[in-house]
Every structure is written in C-alpha cells, then in structure tokens.
C-alpha cells in the first residue's frame, strides 16, 4: 500500500474518532444553545476564522492568488453544499432527534459516498467490498440504531444533510487533485460561514447571537474545536485515499457515539448484540481496507499536503 494512502487512512481513523465524540456532544450542545441555526453559524464562523488565520494568511496566500475562476467556483460550491446548507439541516434535525439516531444516519455517509465515487470518481468496488458494506450496515443494526429507528422530520433533515455532504466530498475529491487540503477546508468553512451569516440576516435571527449565555457560548466553542479537528483531518484523508475507503472508516464514529450514550444517557444499555455490532463494523472496515483494488491504493496526488 502506498505510504500516502496509508497516511490518508490514518487521518480517516482520527476523523472517525473525532466524529464519534462530536455527534454525541453536538446533540447535547444544540439543545443548550436552543437555536440550531445560531449554534451552527457561530461554531462554523469560529472554525472558518481559525482556518483563515492558521493556513490562508500564513501558509497558503500565494496558492490562493493563483486560483483560477473555475477553482473559485468549485470552492464556492463546496462552501454552499458543504459548509452551509447541510449544517443548517443537520443541526435542526439533531435538535429534533437523538444522538444515536443522528449519529447512525450520519454514518450512512459511506453508502452515498461509495455510490457517487463509483459513478463520478471511477472508483471500483468488487464483490468483497460490497460484502464489507453489508457488514457495516449489519453492524449498525446490531448496535441498536434500527431498533429505535424512526423517520420523522428530524431524521429526514439529517438524511438530506448527509446526502449533500456526500456530494460535497465527491466534488472536493476532484478539487483536491489541484488544490491543497488547507485551502479546500478553508473554503468549506469560511465561505460556508458567509452563507450562514447571510441566512441569519435574511431570516432576522442574527440578533440572537448577542443573547447567547456563557454556558451556550462555552459549548459552541467546544464544538468548534471538534469541527476544526474533523475538517483538518478529513480533507487530508480524502486527499490521499479513495473516497469510498475513508468514508467507510467514518462508521467507527457510530459505536463511539453509542458508547458515550451508554455512559451519559440514563437508561441506555449496551447489549450483547452491541458487541456483535462492534465486531461486524471492525471486520467490515478491515475487509474494505485489505481487499481494495490495487490501483486504488496508489496515491496520484501532486498537490502538497
């Protein structure tokens, strides 16, 4: 396996761990802040500004100056369908759902990314990979997500957000062939934040930012740190490894969210089926990793990390 692909897989594992914690605590935070639109806007603005100051103003100014109009249009699209619309939908949905259900639906991302990767990125999945995907779905079933599953308004909003993120990741995978992960992640969060702020002004909710309580602001800052870590590692993972591979690794976040619910949610228990679910998920991911077509395990990137 190419060293860069191995690095991408490592970044994907780190992203999955961050995602597992973030999904649980986001469900807590969004209820404390009360207004999910204000919560996600402030959180994303903080991450966008952090990425702007750390990468763009310090390291990537020259690269940004050389971007072509086509590149800017792609970055704006990533900001809209990755850093704006799905965040509004996801956190509104999360405020109406539960951490486990929200985390489970979010982890279905690998299904949509894999489908889009086959169609648009020419990634190939053999019979063994399809078996691995089935194991991942079955693992989530044993974890209990299906047992309490319902498809109400909250779950529908989360699902639409996940599909939009899958489209964004497919677009980003192509963009990363010529644009660095730093600039793509910055565009997602900074340009996305501009759209989010415009939404708050258009819906006359912007004044609510000034009324955030200290506790709500503390939770928002905490979730900004999670989001920064997610974006930082995810685009590096997507840069070097196949989209279907890194998105499948994100499924690890689902049992992490479930385990956190066991510790912090009253009455939530981890059954023997949960153990089976964890085993199936780990086996599915290992099968997916070790039975990839060889041509997909060779890095093709020329843009520096």
C-alpha atoms as a PDB file:
ATOM      1  CA  UNK A   1       0.000   0.000   0.000  1.00  0.00           C
ATOM      2  CA  UNK A   2       1.306   3.444  -0.940  1.00  0.00           C
ATOM      3  CA  UNK A   3       2.610   5.440   2.049  1.00  0.00           C
ATOM      4  CA  UNK A   4       0.409   8.418   1.193  1.00  0.00           C
ATOM      5  CA  UNK A   5      -2.665   6.195   1.041  1.00  0.00           C
ATOM      6  CA  UNK A   6      -1.702   4.749   4.444  1.00  0.00           C
ATOM      7  CA  UNK A   7      -1.418   8.293   5.752  1.00  0.00           C
ATOM      8  CA  UNK A   8      -4.867   9.096   4.358  1.00  0.00           C
ATOM      9  CA  UNK A   9      -6.325   6.043   6.107  1.00  0.00           C
ATOM     10  CA  UNK A  10      -4.670   7.117   9.372  1.00  0.00           C
ATOM     11  CA  UNK A  11      -6.218  10.570   9.019  1.00  0.00           C
ATOM     12  CA  UNK A  12      -9.596   8.927   8.358  1.00  0.00           C
ATOM     13  CA  UNK A  13      -9.356   6.953  11.616  1.00  0.00           C
ATOM     14  CA  UNK A  14      -8.578  10.135  13.558  1.00  0.00           C
ATOM     15  CA  UNK A  15     -11.518  11.848  11.846  1.00  0.00           C
ATOM     16  CA  UNK A  16     -13.826   8.962  12.788  1.00  0.00           C
ATOM     17  CA  UNK A  17     -12.901   9.230  16.476  1.00  0.00           C
ATOM     18  CA  UNK A  18     -13.474  12.983  16.461  1.00  0.00           C
ATOM     19  CA  UNK A  19     -16.777  12.461  14.640  1.00  0.00           C
ATOM     20  CA  UNK A  20     -17.991   9.917  17.191  1.00  0.00           C
ATOM     21  CA  UNK A  21     -17.450  12.341  20.069  1.00  0.00           C
ATOM     22  CA  UNK A  22     -18.732  15.322  18.097  1.00  0.00           C
ATOM     23  CA  UNK A  23     -22.025  13.669  17.138  1.00  0.00           C
ATOM     24  CA  UNK A  24     -22.870  12.906  20.754  1.00  0.00           C
ATOM     25  CA  UNK A  25     -21.860  16.243  22.246  1.00  0.00           C
ATOM     26  CA  UNK A  26     -23.399  18.174  19.341  1.00  0.00           C
ATOM     27  CA  UNK A  27     -26.784  16.723  20.248  1.00  0.00           C
ATOM     28  CA  UNK A  28     -26.255  17.997  23.794  1.00  0.00           C
ATOM     29  CA  UNK A  29     -24.929  21.399  22.723  1.00  0.00           C
ATOM     30  CA  UNK A  30     -27.654  22.164  20.200  1.00  0.00           C
ATOM     31  CA  UNK A  31     -30.302  21.696  22.895  1.00  0.00           C
ATOM     32  CA  UNK A  32     -28.424  24.011  25.301  1.00  0.00           C
ATOM     33  CA  UNK A  33     -27.994  26.749  22.691  1.00  0.00           C
ATOM     34  CA  UNK A  34     -31.675  26.233  21.731  1.00  0.00           C
ATOM     35  CA  UNK A  35     -31.449  27.843  18.279  1.00  0.00           C
ATOM     36  CA  UNK A  36     -29.667  25.332  16.000  1.00  0.00           C
ATOM     37  CA  UNK A  37     -29.108  27.922  13.260  1.00  0.00           C
ATOM     38  CA  UNK A  38     -27.312  30.335  15.588  1.00  0.00           C
ATOM     39  CA  UNK A  39     -25.356  27.429  17.092  1.00  0.00           C
ATOM     40  CA  UNK A  40     -24.038  26.132  13.779  1.00  0.00           C
ATOM     41  CA  UNK A  41     -23.347  29.633  12.412  1.00  0.00           C
ATOM     42  CA  UNK A  42     -21.244  30.773  15.384  1.00  0.00           C
ATOM     43  CA  UNK A  43     -19.459  27.412  15.521  1.00  0.00           C
ATOM     44  CA  UNK A  44     -18.632  27.437  11.819  1.00  0.00           C
ATOM     45  CA  UNK A  45     -17.565  31.081  11.832  1.00  0.00           C
ATOM     46  CA  UNK A  46     -15.072  30.327  14.611  1.00  0.00           C
ATOM     47  CA  UNK A  47     -13.649  27.399  12.626  1.00  0.00           C
ATOM     48  CA  UNK A  48     -13.576  29.437   9.409  1.00  0.00           C
ATOM     49  CA  UNK A  49     -11.667  32.245  11.104  1.00  0.00           C
ATOM     50  CA  UNK A  50      -9.261  29.757  12.690  1.00  0.00           C
ATOM     51  CA  UNK A  51      -8.542  28.113   9.346  1.00  0.00           C
ATOM     52  CA  UNK A  52      -8.201  31.525   7.748  1.00  0.00           C
ATOM     53  CA  UNK A  53      -5.619  32.737  10.247  1.00  0.00           C
ATOM     54  CA  UNK A  54      -3.687  29.498  10.594  1.00  0.00           C
ATOM     55  CA  UNK A  55      -3.445  28.410   6.978  1.00  0.00           C
ATOM     56  CA  UNK A  56      -4.561  31.005   4.480  1.00  0.00           C
ATOM     57  CA  UNK A  57      -2.973  34.112   5.961  1.00  0.00           C
ATOM     58  CA  UNK A  58       0.210  32.319   6.962  1.00  0.00           C
ATOM     59  CA  UNK A  59       0.923  29.474   4.552  1.00  0.00           C
ATOM     60  CA  UNK A  60      -1.379  29.498   1.537  1.00  0.00           C
ATOM     61  CA  UNK A  61      -1.648  33.108   0.390  1.00  0.00           C
ATOM     62  CA  UNK A  62       0.377  32.500  -2.761  1.00  0.00           C
ATOM     63  CA  UNK A  63      -1.681  29.454  -3.691  1.00  0.00           C
ATOM     64  CA  UNK A  64      -4.930  31.394  -3.318  1.00  0.00           C
ATOM     65  CA  UNK A  65      -3.627  34.176  -5.535  1.00  0.00           C
ATOM     66  CA  UNK A  66      -3.018  31.629  -8.300  1.00  0.00           C
ATOM     67  CA  UNK A  67      -6.514  30.081  -8.168  1.00  0.00           C
ATOM     68  CA  UNK A  68      -8.447  30.280 -11.430  1.00  0.00           C
ATOM     69  CA  UNK A  69     -12.081  31.284 -11.812  1.00  0.00           C
ATOM     70  CA  UNK A  70     -13.038  27.623 -12.206  1.00  0.00           C
ATOM     71  CA  UNK A  71     -11.315  26.838  -8.899  1.00  0.00           C
ATOM     72  CA  UNK A  72     -13.150  29.655  -7.125  1.00  0.00           C
ATOM     73  CA  UNK A  73     -16.498  28.451  -8.449  1.00  0.00           C
ATOM     74  CA  UNK A  74     -15.786  24.953  -7.125  1.00  0.00           C
ATOM     75  CA  UNK A  75     -14.693  26.334  -3.739  1.00  0.00           C
ATOM     76  CA  UNK A  76     -17.839  28.452  -3.510  1.00  0.00           C
ATOM     77  CA  UNK A  77     -19.922  25.374  -4.326  1.00  0.00           C
ATOM     78  CA  UNK A  78     -18.125  23.418  -1.592  1.00  0.00           C
ATOM     79  CA  UNK A  79     -18.820  26.251   0.843  1.00  0.00           C
ATOM     80  CA  UNK A  80     -22.525  26.236  -0.057  1.00  0.00           C
ATOM     81  CA  UNK A  81     -23.301  22.494  -0.178  1.00  0.00           C
ATOM     82  CA  UNK A  82     -20.697  21.504   2.403  1.00  0.00           C
ATOM     83  CA  UNK A  83     -20.279  24.385   4.832  1.00  0.00           C
ATOM     84  CA  UNK A  84     -23.742  25.954   4.834  1.00  0.00           C
ATOM     85  CA  UNK A  85     -26.938  24.163   3.782  1.00  0.00           C
ATOM     86  CA  UNK A  86     -26.233  20.717   5.309  1.00  0.00           C
ATOM     87  CA  UNK A  87     -25.140  22.260   8.617  1.00  0.00           C
ATOM     88  CA  UNK A  88     -28.445  24.135   8.870  1.00  0.00           C
ATOM     89  CA  UNK A  89     -30.343  20.938   8.100  1.00  0.00           C
ATOM     90  CA  UNK A  90     -28.206  18.639  10.257  1.00  0.00           C
ATOM     91  CA  UNK A  91     -28.340  20.617  13.483  1.00  0.00           C
ATOM     92  CA  UNK A  92     -32.004  21.430  13.091  1.00  0.00           C
ATOM     93  CA  UNK A  93     -32.597  17.710  12.599  1.00  0.00           C
ATOM     94  CA  UNK A  94     -30.339  16.835  15.528  1.00  0.00           C
ATOM     95  CA  UNK A  95     -32.364  19.142  17.785  1.00  0.00           C
ATOM     96  CA  UNK A  96     -35.429  17.030  16.892  1.00  0.00           C
ATOM     97  CA  UNK A  97     -33.720  13.618  17.057  1.00  0.00           C
ATOM     98  CA  UNK A  98     -31.356  11.725  19.397  1.00  0.00           C
ATOM     99  CA  UNK A  99     -27.547  11.414  19.380  1.00  0.00           C
ATOM    100  CA  UNK A 100     -27.667   7.697  18.480  1.00  0.00           C
ATOM    101  CA  UNK A 101     -30.125   8.108  15.597  1.00  0.00           C
ATOM    102  CA  UNK A 102     -28.381  11.241  14.348  1.00  0.00           C
ATOM    103  CA  UNK A 103     -25.003   9.540  14.564  1.00  0.00           C
ATOM    104  CA  UNK A 104     -26.280   6.455  12.768  1.00  0.00           C
ATOM    105  CA  UNK A 105     -27.785   8.424   9.882  1.00  0.00           C
ATOM    106  CA  UNK A 106     -24.614  10.500   9.616  1.00  0.00           C
ATOM    107  CA  UNK A 107     -22.555   7.321   9.375  1.00  0.00           C
ATOM    108  CA  UNK A 108     -24.649   6.187   6.393  1.00  0.00           C
ATOM    109  CA  UNK A 109     -22.481   8.734   4.592  1.00  0.00           C
ATOM    110  CA  UNK A 110     -20.194   5.923   3.405  1.00  0.00           C
ATOM    111  CA  UNK A 111     -23.041   4.412   1.365  1.00  0.00           C
ATOM    112  CA  UNK A 112     -23.746   7.620  -0.560  1.00  0.00           C
ATOM    113  CA  UNK A 113     -20.057   8.474  -0.977  1.00  0.00           C
ATOM    114  CA  UNK A 114     -19.339   4.978  -2.289  1.00  0.00           C
ATOM    115  CA  UNK A 115     -22.162   5.216  -4.835  1.00  0.00           C
ATOM    116  CA  UNK A 116     -21.034   8.649  -6.032  1.00  0.00           C
ATOM    117  CA  UNK A 117     -17.372   7.544  -6.066  1.00  0.00           C
ATOM    118  CA  UNK A 118     -18.256   4.663  -8.391  1.00  0.00           C
ATOM    119  CA  UNK A 119     -20.213   6.928 -10.739  1.00  0.00           C
ATOM    120  CA  UNK A 120     -18.116  10.090 -10.785  1.00  0.00           C
ATOM    121  CA  UNK A 121     -14.667   9.187  -9.431  1.00  0.00           C
ATOM    122  CA  UNK A 122     -14.360   5.848 -11.230  1.00  0.00           C
ATOM    123  CA  UNK A 123     -13.557   4.024  -8.027  1.00  0.00           C
ATOM    124  CA  UNK A 124     -14.249   0.314  -8.236  1.00  0.00           C
ATOM    125  CA  UNK A 125     -15.853  -1.944  -5.670  1.00  0.00           C
ATOM    126  CA  UNK A 126     -15.539  -5.699  -6.065  1.00  0.00           C
ATOM    127  CA  UNK A 127     -17.799  -8.319  -4.530  1.00  0.00           C
ATOM    128  CA  UNK A 128     -15.714  -8.351  -1.356  1.00  0.00           C
ATOM    129  CA  UNK A 129     -16.149  -4.586  -0.890  1.00  0.00           C
ATOM    130  CA  UNK A 130     -19.917  -4.890  -1.305  1.00  0.00           C
ATOM    131  CA  UNK A 131     -19.817  -7.599   1.360  1.00  0.00           C
ATOM    132  CA  UNK A 132     -17.872  -5.208   3.607  1.00  0.00           C
ATOM    133  CA  UNK A 133     -20.527  -2.517   3.118  1.00  0.00           C
ATOM    134  CA  UNK A 134     -23.200  -5.043   4.078  1.00  0.00           C
ATOM    135  CA  UNK A 135     -21.240  -5.903   7.242  1.00  0.00           C
ATOM    136  CA  UNK A 136     -21.062  -2.211   8.167  1.00  0.00           C
ATOM    137  CA  UNK A 137     -24.829  -1.833   7.796  1.00  0.00           C
ATOM    138  CA  UNK A 138     -25.465  -5.050   9.735  1.00  0.00           C
ATOM    139  CA  UNK A 139     -23.102  -3.871  12.465  1.00  0.00           C
ATOM    140  CA  UNK A 140     -25.135  -0.713  12.920  1.00  0.00           C
ATOM    141  CA  UNK A 141     -28.268  -2.850  13.086  1.00  0.00           C
ATOM    142  CA  UNK A 142     -26.864  -4.876  15.979  1.00  0.00           C
ATOM    143  CA  UNK A 143     -25.800  -1.690  17.744  1.00  0.00           C
ATOM    144  CA  UNK A 144     -29.484  -0.940  18.105  1.00  0.00           C
ATOM    145  CA  UNK A 145     -29.850   2.045  15.805  1.00  0.00           C
ATOM    146  CA  UNK A 146     -32.545   0.299  13.765  1.00  0.00           C
ATOM    147  CA  UNK A 147     -34.355  -0.947  16.858  1.00  0.00           C
ATOM    148  CA  UNK A 148     -35.229   2.583  17.943  1.00  0.00           C
ATOM    149  CA  UNK A 149     -35.228   3.964  14.440  1.00  0.00           C
ATOM    150  CA  UNK A 150     -37.919   6.311  13.301  1.00  0.00           C
ATOM    151  CA  UNK A 151     -38.025   8.534  10.276  1.00  0.00           C
ATOM    152  CA  UNK A 152     -39.570  11.773  11.400  1.00  0.00           C
ATOM    153  CA  UNK A 153     -38.826  15.352  10.419  1.00  0.00           C
ATOM    154  CA  UNK A 154     -35.527  15.424  12.313  1.00  0.00           C
ATOM    155  CA  UNK A 155     -34.245  12.237  10.719  1.00  0.00           C
ATOM    156  CA  UNK A 156     -35.308  13.418   7.255  1.00  0.00           C
ATOM    157  CA  UNK A 157     -33.382  16.689   7.660  1.00  0.00           C
ATOM    158  CA  UNK A 158     -30.281  14.792   8.810  1.00  0.00           C
ATOM    159  CA  UNK A 159     -30.535  12.428   5.841  1.00  0.00           C
ATOM    160  CA  UNK A 160     -30.745  15.309   3.334  1.00  0.00           C
ATOM    161  CA  UNK A 161     -27.711  16.911   5.010  1.00  0.00           C
ATOM    162  CA  UNK A 162     -25.740  13.665   4.739  1.00  0.00           C
ATOM    163  CA  UNK A 163     -26.529  13.301   1.035  1.00  0.00           C
ATOM    164  CA  UNK A 164     -25.398  16.892   0.427  1.00  0.00           C
ATOM    165  CA  UNK A 165     -22.147  16.168   2.281  1.00  0.00           C
ATOM    166  CA  UNK A 166     -21.644  13.096   0.116  1.00  0.00           C
ATOM    167  CA  UNK A 167     -21.982  15.281  -2.991  1.00  0.00           C
ATOM    168  CA  UNK A 168     -19.591  17.819  -1.468  1.00  0.00           C
ATOM    169  CA  UNK A 169     -16.972  15.168  -0.681  1.00  0.00           C
ATOM    170  CA  UNK A 170     -17.164  13.908  -4.257  1.00  0.00           C
ATOM    171  CA  UNK A 171     -16.629  17.432  -5.588  1.00  0.00           C
ATOM    172  CA  UNK A 172     -13.860  18.032  -3.032  1.00  0.00           C
ATOM    173  CA  UNK A 173     -12.078  14.813  -4.007  1.00  0.00           C
ATOM    174  CA  UNK A 174     -11.743  16.146  -7.565  1.00  0.00           C
ATOM    175  CA  UNK A 175     -10.757  19.627  -6.343  1.00  0.00           C
ATOM    176  CA  UNK A 176      -8.025  18.147  -4.141  1.00  0.00           C
ATOM    177  CA  UNK A 177      -6.233  16.939  -7.274  1.00  0.00           C
ATOM    178  CA  UNK A 178      -5.035  20.507  -7.838  1.00  0.00           C
ATOM    179  CA  UNK A 179      -5.881  22.435  -4.639  1.00  0.00           C
ATOM    180  CA  UNK A 180      -4.338  21.802  -1.214  1.00  0.00           C
ATOM    181  CA  UNK A 181      -6.442  20.396   1.659  1.00  0.00           C
ATOM    182  CA  UNK A 182      -5.828  23.591   3.640  1.00  0.00           C
ATOM    183  CA  UNK A 183      -7.467  25.783   1.009  1.00  0.00           C
ATOM    184  CA  UNK A 184     -10.368  23.393   0.389  1.00  0.00           C
ATOM    185  CA  UNK A 185     -11.119  23.094   4.125  1.00  0.00           C
ATOM    186  CA  UNK A 186     -10.839  26.862   4.498  1.00  0.00           C
ATOM    187  CA  UNK A 187     -13.276  27.403   1.624  1.00  0.00           C
ATOM    188  CA  UNK A 188     -15.740  24.956   3.089  1.00  0.00           C
ATOM    189  CA  UNK A 189     -15.818  26.680   6.461  1.00  0.00           C
ATOM    190  CA  UNK A 190     -15.077  30.337   5.669  1.00  0.00           C
ATOM    191  CA  UNK A 191     -17.194  30.697   2.528  1.00  0.00           C
ATOM    192  CA  UNK A 192     -19.831  28.483   4.129  1.00  0.00           C
ATOM    193  CA  UNK A 193     -19.875  30.812   7.144  1.00  0.00           C
ATOM    194  CA  UNK A 194     -20.577  33.801   4.893  1.00  0.00           C
ATOM    195  CA  UNK A 195     -23.643  31.978   3.543  1.00  0.00           C
ATOM    196  CA  UNK A 196     -24.703  31.076   7.105  1.00  0.00           C
ATOM    197  CA  UNK A 197     -24.423  34.682   8.288  1.00  0.00           C
ATOM    198  CA  UNK A 198     -26.440  35.809   5.266  1.00  0.00           C
ATOM    199  CA  UNK A 199     -29.109  33.243   6.189  1.00  0.00           C
ATOM    200  CA  UNK A 200     -29.352  34.575   9.753  1.00  0.00           C
ATOM    201  CA  UNK A 201     -29.746  38.149   8.497  1.00  0.00           C
ATOM    202  CA  UNK A 202     -32.283  37.098   5.859  1.00  0.00           C
ATOM    203  CA  UNK A 203     -34.382  35.290   8.483  1.00  0.00           C
ATOM    204  CA  UNK A 204     -33.880  38.054  11.082  1.00  0.00           C
ATOM    205  CA  UNK A 205     -32.193  35.745  13.589  1.00  0.00           C
ATOM    206  CA  UNK A 206     -28.782  37.421  13.721  1.00  0.00           C
ATOM    207  CA  UNK A 207     -29.578  39.345  16.912  1.00  0.00           C
ATOM    208  CA  UNK A 208     -29.799  36.042  18.748  1.00  0.00           C
ATOM    209  CA  UNK A 209     -26.010  35.736  18.634  1.00  0.00           C
ATOM    210  CA  UNK A 210     -25.755  38.605  21.115  1.00  0.00           C
ATOM    211  CA  UNK A 211     -28.014  36.771  23.560  1.00  0.00           C
ATOM    212  CA  UNK A 212     -26.005  33.588  23.886  1.00  0.00           C
ATOM    213  CA  UNK A 213     -25.449  32.696  27.533  1.00  0.00           C
ATOM    214  CA  UNK A 214     -21.924  31.998  28.795  1.00  0.00           C
ATOM    215  CA  UNK A 215     -22.779  28.287  29.040  1.00  0.00           C
ATOM    216  CA  UNK A 216     -24.146  28.231  25.480  1.00  0.00           C
ATOM    217  CA  UNK A 217     -21.071  30.048  24.194  1.00  0.00           C
ATOM    218  CA  UNK A 218     -18.778  27.614  26.020  1.00  0.00           C
ATOM    219  CA  UNK A 219     -20.496  24.658  24.372  1.00  0.00           C
ATOM    220  CA  UNK A 220     -20.325  26.374  20.997  1.00  0.00           C
ATOM    221  CA  UNK A 221     -16.581  26.938  21.349  1.00  0.00           C
ATOM    222  CA  UNK A 222     -16.115  23.298  22.421  1.00  0.00           C
ATOM    223  CA  UNK A 223     -17.962  22.057  19.350  1.00  0.00           C
ATOM    224  CA  UNK A 224     -15.918  24.435  17.190  1.00  0.00           C
ATOM    225  CA  UNK A 225     -12.799  22.627  18.393  1.00  0.00           C
ATOM    226  CA  UNK A 226     -14.312  19.272  17.396  1.00  0.00           C
ATOM    227  CA  UNK A 227     -15.301  20.636  13.992  1.00  0.00           C
ATOM    228  CA  UNK A 228     -11.848  22.113  13.410  1.00  0.00           C
ATOM    229  CA  UNK A 229     -10.266  18.727  14.092  1.00  0.00           C
ATOM    230  CA  UNK A 230     -12.777  16.966  11.852  1.00  0.00           C
ATOM    231  CA  UNK A 231     -12.187  19.296   8.902  1.00  0.00           C
ATOM    232  CA  UNK A 232      -8.417  19.377   9.422  1.00  0.00           C
ATOM    233  CA  UNK A 233      -8.004  15.591   9.266  1.00  0.00           C
ATOM    234  CA  UNK A 234     -10.873  14.720   6.913  1.00  0.00           C
ATOM    235  CA  UNK A 235      -9.638  16.630   3.874  1.00  0.00           C
ATOM    236  CA  UNK A 236      -6.182  15.176   4.296  1.00  0.00           C
ATOM    237  CA  UNK A 237      -7.720  11.713   4.413  1.00  0.00           C
ATOM    238  CA  UNK A 238      -9.775  12.460   1.295  1.00  0.00           C
ATOM    239  CA  UNK A 239      -6.680  13.835  -0.403  1.00  0.00           C
ATOM    240  CA  UNK A 240      -4.643  10.641  -0.262  1.00  0.00           C
ATOM    241  CA  UNK A 241      -7.060   7.694  -0.027  1.00  0.00           C
ATOM    242  CA  UNK A 242     -10.101   6.605  -2.083  1.00  0.00           C
ATOM    243  CA  UNK A 243     -13.322   8.368  -1.059  1.00  0.00           C
ATOM    244  CA  UNK A 244     -15.147   5.069  -0.535  1.00  0.00           C
ATOM    245  CA  UNK A 245     -12.412   3.846   1.819  1.00  0.00           C
ATOM    246  CA  UNK A 246     -12.130   6.889   4.052  1.00  0.00           C
ATOM    247  CA  UNK A 247     -15.915   7.333   4.261  1.00  0.00           C
ATOM    248  CA  UNK A 248     -16.313   3.688   5.330  1.00  0.00           C
ATOM    249  CA  UNK A 249     -13.825   4.278   8.163  1.00  0.00           C
ATOM    250  CA  UNK A 250     -16.072   7.070   9.457  1.00  0.00           C
ATOM    251  CA  UNK A 251     -18.548   4.355  10.504  1.00  0.00           C
ATOM    252  CA  UNK A 252     -16.309   3.803  13.553  1.00  0.00           C
ATOM    253  CA  UNK A 253     -17.805   7.021  14.876  1.00  0.00           C
ATOM    254  CA  UNK A 254     -21.219   5.352  15.250  1.00  0.00           C
ATOM    255  CA  UNK A 255     -20.261   2.902  18.039  1.00  0.00           C
ATOM    256  CA  UNK A 256     -18.288   5.669  19.754  1.00  0.00           C
ATOM    257  CA  UNK A 257     -21.448   7.797  19.872  1.00  0.00           C
ATOM    258  CA  UNK A 258     -23.393   4.770  21.138  1.00  0.00           C
ATOM    259  CA  UNK A 259     -20.833   4.042  23.879  1.00  0.00           C
ATOM    260  CA  UNK A 260     -20.972   7.682  25.023  1.00  0.00           C
ATOM    261  CA  UNK A 261     -24.755   7.396  25.198  1.00  0.00           C
ATOM    262  CA  UNK A 262     -24.378   4.340  27.451  1.00  0.00           C
ATOM    263  CA  UNK A 263     -22.273   6.337  29.901  1.00  0.00           C
ATOM    264  CA  UNK A 264     -24.231   9.586  29.847  1.00  0.00           C
ATOM    265  CA  UNK A 265     -27.848   8.780  28.908  1.00  0.00           C
ATOM    266  CA  UNK A 266     -29.995   7.412  31.695  1.00  0.00           C
ATOM    267  CA  UNK A 267     -31.458   4.006  30.894  1.00  0.00           C
ATOM    268  CA  UNK A 268     -29.352   3.420  27.777  1.00  0.00           C
ATOM    269  CA  UNK A 269     -27.774  -0.054  27.896  1.00  0.00           C
ATOM    270  CA  UNK A 270     -25.207  -1.899  25.822  1.00  0.00           C
ATOM    271  CA  UNK A 271     -26.485  -5.367  24.957  1.00  0.00           C
ATOM    272  CA  UNK A 272     -24.739  -8.483  23.702  1.00  0.00           C
ATOM    273  CA  UNK A 273     -25.986  -7.523  20.241  1.00  0.00           C
ATOM    274  CA  UNK A 274     -23.999  -4.308  20.647  1.00  0.00           C
ATOM    275  CA  UNK A 275     -20.819  -6.362  20.967  1.00  0.00           C
ATOM    276  CA  UNK A 276     -21.733  -8.219  17.783  1.00  0.00           C
ATOM    277  CA  UNK A 277     -22.311  -4.852  16.107  1.00  0.00           C
ATOM    278  CA  UNK A 278     -18.873  -3.581  17.073  1.00  0.00           C
ATOM    279  CA  UNK A 279     -17.231  -6.765  15.791  1.00  0.00           C
ATOM    280  CA  UNK A 280     -19.099  -6.611  12.476  1.00  0.00           C
ATOM    281  CA  UNK A 281     -18.162  -2.959  11.970  1.00  0.00           C
ATOM    282  CA  UNK A 282     -14.480  -3.616  12.635  1.00  0.00           C
ATOM    283  CA  UNK A 283     -14.474  -6.689  10.373  1.00  0.00           C
ATOM    284  CA  UNK A 284     -16.268  -4.740   7.646  1.00  0.00           C
ATOM    285  CA  UNK A 285     -13.748  -1.919   7.754  1.00  0.00           C
ATOM    286  CA  UNK A 286     -10.778  -4.305   7.739  1.00  0.00           C
ATOM    287  CA  UNK A 287     -12.227  -6.216   4.785  1.00  0.00           C
ATOM    288  CA  UNK A 288     -12.852  -2.949   2.968  1.00  0.00           C
ATOM    289  CA  UNK A 289      -9.266  -1.825   3.559  1.00  0.00           C
ATOM    290  CA  UNK A 290      -7.399  -5.006   2.734  1.00  0.00           C
ATOM    291  CA  UNK A 291      -9.348  -6.082  -0.334  1.00  0.00           C
ATOM    292  CA  UNK A 292      -9.217  -2.852  -2.292  1.00  0.00           C
ATOM    293  CA  UNK A 293      -8.259  -2.973  -5.986  1.00  0.00           C
ATOM    294  CA  UNK A 294      -4.519  -2.298  -6.182  1.00  0.00           C
ATOM    295  CA  UNK A 295      -4.861   0.666  -8.499  1.00  0.00           C
ATOM    296  CA  UNK A 296      -6.898   2.438  -5.844  1.00  0.00           C
ATOM    297  CA  UNK A 297      -4.213   2.031  -3.221  1.00  0.00           C
ATOM    298  CA  UNK A 298      -1.700   4.117  -5.128  1.00  0.00           C
ATOM    299  CA  UNK A 299      -1.627   7.852  -4.443  1.00  0.00           C
ATOM    300  CA  UNK A 300      -1.948  10.057  -7.502  1.00  0.00           C
ATOM    301  CA  UNK A 301      -1.784  13.414  -5.812  1.00  0.00           C
ATOM    302  CA  UNK A 302       0.772  16.027  -6.721  1.00  0.00           C
ATOM    303  CA  UNK A 303      -0.504  18.883  -4.546  1.00  0.00           C
ATOM    304  CA  UNK A 304       1.464  19.192  -1.284  1.00  0.00           C
ATOM    305  CA  UNK A 305      -0.129  18.226   1.990  1.00  0.00           C
END
